[in-house]
Amino acid sequence: MSVLKFVSILFFINLHICTFLANTCAWNNCPKWNNSLINIHFIPHSHTDQGFVKKSDDYYVGKISGYGNYDIGGVQYIINNVIAELLKDPSRRFSFCETGFLKQWWDNHKDAERQKLVQLVETGQLELIGGGWVQPDEAASHYVDLIDQYTLGLDNSITTTQFYDSYEPPNGFCFDVNCVYPQNDPIVDNPEIESYNLDTKLAMFMTSINEILQTQRHNHVLILMGKDYAYIGANLWYENIDKLIYHLNQKSNITAFYSTPSCYNQARTEQLNSFNYTWPEKSDDFFPLAQRAWWVPGTQDNTSYWTGFYTSKPAMKGLTRKSSALLQLTRQMSSLALLQTANQLSQITLFEKAMGISQHHDAVTNSNNFSVTVYNSYGQNLNTLIRIPLYQSNNIEISLLDRNGNPVSYQIMDVFSNTGQINNMNMASKEVVFMADVKPLGFKTYFVSVSSGNNVKNVVKEKVDLANNSISNGLIQLDFDSQGLLSTYHDLITNKTFPLKQEILYYHGYNDSFDRNGNPVSYQIMDVFSNTGQINNMNMASKEVVFMADVKPLGFNTYFVSVSSGNNVKNVVEEKVDLASNSISNGLIQLDFDSQGLLSTYHDLITNKTFPLKQEILYYHGQFNNYFKPNGNKNLYFNDWDCAQQPYIESNDYSKT
C-alpha cells in the first residue's frame, strides 16, 4: 500500500470518523470523572523512537544489535500485543504517536488485523497522537521540515505539556520485560500469597499522587504508564494497572480510570473553566529546559539543562538543511515535468521518509550515538585507516561496531606531536585507529561509543609493541620506531637495509589582500568578545577581521587574505568604527550597541519608546560522553538567571500559551 493511501486512511480514521460514527471518537468516548474527587488518568503509551542507537527498521523488527540497555525494540510486537489486550476490555486505552511505524505494521498485516486496529480507533480505545511520521524535535528543526514530516504522517491537533517529572511511570510502577526488578515488582493483591504487597504499593503510589497535586490548580492527575519501547509485555502492564484502578476506586476520595491525552485535557479544561480560571500566558522561550536528571538512578540533582542539542554535530544539521532544499527542488521539478508514474513518485516518497526520520528528536538534535561513515568514490575496493581523535583516554572503554552490530578491531595510538612545530593546546593526545573496507562507490557506517569504566561489551582492542613494530609484504620490510615513525627500509630480495628518518615540517604561506579580481576589500579589525570567567581558551584570538561578502544566487566569491609584520602590505582599506556611538536603524527601529559591541538599547521609532537591553553569553560544562546532557555541576557559569534556581516549569498551567 502506498504511503499516500495509508495516510488517507489515517485521515479518515482520525478526522472524519466523528461525522459518520457520532460519539465514537476518543474525545467523545471519555471515561466519567468527578470534579469533586481526585481523578487519576492512567495513560498507557510507548515511547518508540524511530531511530536512536539502531536503525528504524531494526527497532520495528526487534533486531538485536549489541547496544546493551539500548538494545530494545520490536515495535511490531508492541502493536500486536496492545491490540490483543485492548480487545479484552473496552475500558482499556492506549496512545500511539509514530505513523512511520504504524505504516510498516499496516503493510505487513492482513485485512482482519487491520480492521481490529480501525475498530479500536473508532471506539476511542486507541488514540493516535500528533500524527507525524516521527515525534519530531521542535527546537533544532526547520519549520518547513516539520510541516513535511507532519504532512507525511498526517498531523492532527496536538496536545502539548511539560510533564511533572518525565514520560515514565512513578518509581516502582514499571511493568514490562525490560523494567528494573525488584524495584518494580508486580502488584500482588492476594493476601494468601507470601509476596503480598498491595498496601505497600498503594502507599507508594499515593505519595506520588500527593506530590503532583501540590504543583497544580486542579484535581485531575496525569499518570503516564509507559517508557521507551514499552508494552512488548502488554499483558504485564494492563493486569497491574487493572489492579491499581480497582483498589484505588475503593477509596472514598478517588476515582481512577484508563484515559488518553485528549480526555485528560478535556477534563482539566472543563474543571478550570468552571471557576473562571484564567490561564497564565508565557510569551518567551521554554528553553533552556531545566530538569532533574531522572536518567541517573537515585540522583537528587536539580540543575541539569537541555541546550547542547542546538549545536551538537553541526555537519549533520547542515546536511539536513541541504537535503530539505533538495527535496523542495525535486518536488517542484517533478511537478513541472508532470512526473506521475508509481516509480517516479515512489522515489520522492523515499526521500520524504528519510527527511521525516531525520526530524526525530534524537536525529536532527544528534543526541544519538556517534557514528563514522566512510564513502568510497573510487571504482575499486577501498581499504584504508580511519583515525578518530580521543581527547580522554584514562579509565574509559570504547565500543566500535559495524552496521550489523559486529565488533570491529581497533588500536589506541599516540598522536604525533612536535610542540616545536605545531603549538595547539586542543590537540588530542590519542586516537582510535581501525581499518575500513568499502566496496566501489559504496559506503560503510561504524558506531562508536565511549564509556567510563569497564561496562562496555563487544570490545576488540589490539595492542601493538611499537618497540618491535614492522610490516612486510614478502618483498620489503618497513620498521617503525617507538614514536611510530618510519626508521628502516629492508629490501628482502637484495638483503639490503637503508636507514630512514621521517619528519613532518611546515612553513607559513604568503599572499596579497585582494578579491578574485585583485581589488582591495574594505574590512574592520574588531575586538573578539571574551569573558575569561566563562570561556577559558588560551588559543582564542583577541581580534578578528570582519568584512562584507556579496554573493550572487547559487554562486560564490573568493577573497585572498595575507598577514604580514610592519606596514609592507599594500592595498589596505581599513575602516574604524566608534563603538561608543554605534547604532543601526531601518527607519522603524534603532538598535544601540555598547563599547563592547553588545546590544544595549532598542528604540521603537514609530511610538518613540526606548527599552534598555542586556546581552549575555552563558554556558555550562557538558556531561562526559553524553552529547547534550549537562554534568549536573551546581557551580554553573550563570549570573542572575532565575532558571538556575527554578528548575521546573509548572506544566499544567502552561499548556495553553
Foldseek 3Di string as FASTA:
>chain_A
DDLVVVLVVVCCLQPVLCVPQPQQALLSQWDDDDQQFQEEAEEEEAQEQCDFQAHNVCQCCQPQQAPPLPSGHNVLLLVVLVLVVCVVDVQAAYEYEALLSVVVNVVPDDPVVVVSVSVCRRNSRYHYAQQFNGAFDDPQDDVLLVVLRCVSRPGDDHFDWDDPADLAFPFQPAFAPSDDPPRNPAADCDPVDPPHCNVVVLVSNVVVQVVLVVLDDGNYHYGRHYYHNPRSVVVRNVVRVVVVQVVQVVDPRYHYGHGHPSNSVVVVVVVCVVVPHDFDADDDDCPQAFHFPVVDPPDPFRFKTFDLLNDPPVVQLVVLVVLSVVLVVLVVVCVVVVDDDPVSVVVSVVSSSVSSSCRHPCHSSVQHFDKDKDFAQDQAKDKDKDKAFDQDDPQKAKFKAWSSSATFEWEKAADDDDCVADPDPRGGGIIIMGIDIAGHRGMTMMTMAMDGHDPRPNGHYDDDDLCADWDDDQQKIWHAHPNRHTFKIAGPVVRDIDGDDDDDHDDDDFDAWAWPVRAHFEWEKAADDDDCVADPDPPDDGIDIGGDDDADVVGDIGTDDGDDPDDPHPNYHYDDDDLCADWDDDQQKIWHAHPNRHTFKIAGPVVRDIDGDDDDDFDADDPPRRSGMRPSDLPGGDDPDVCSVVNDDSTVSHSDD
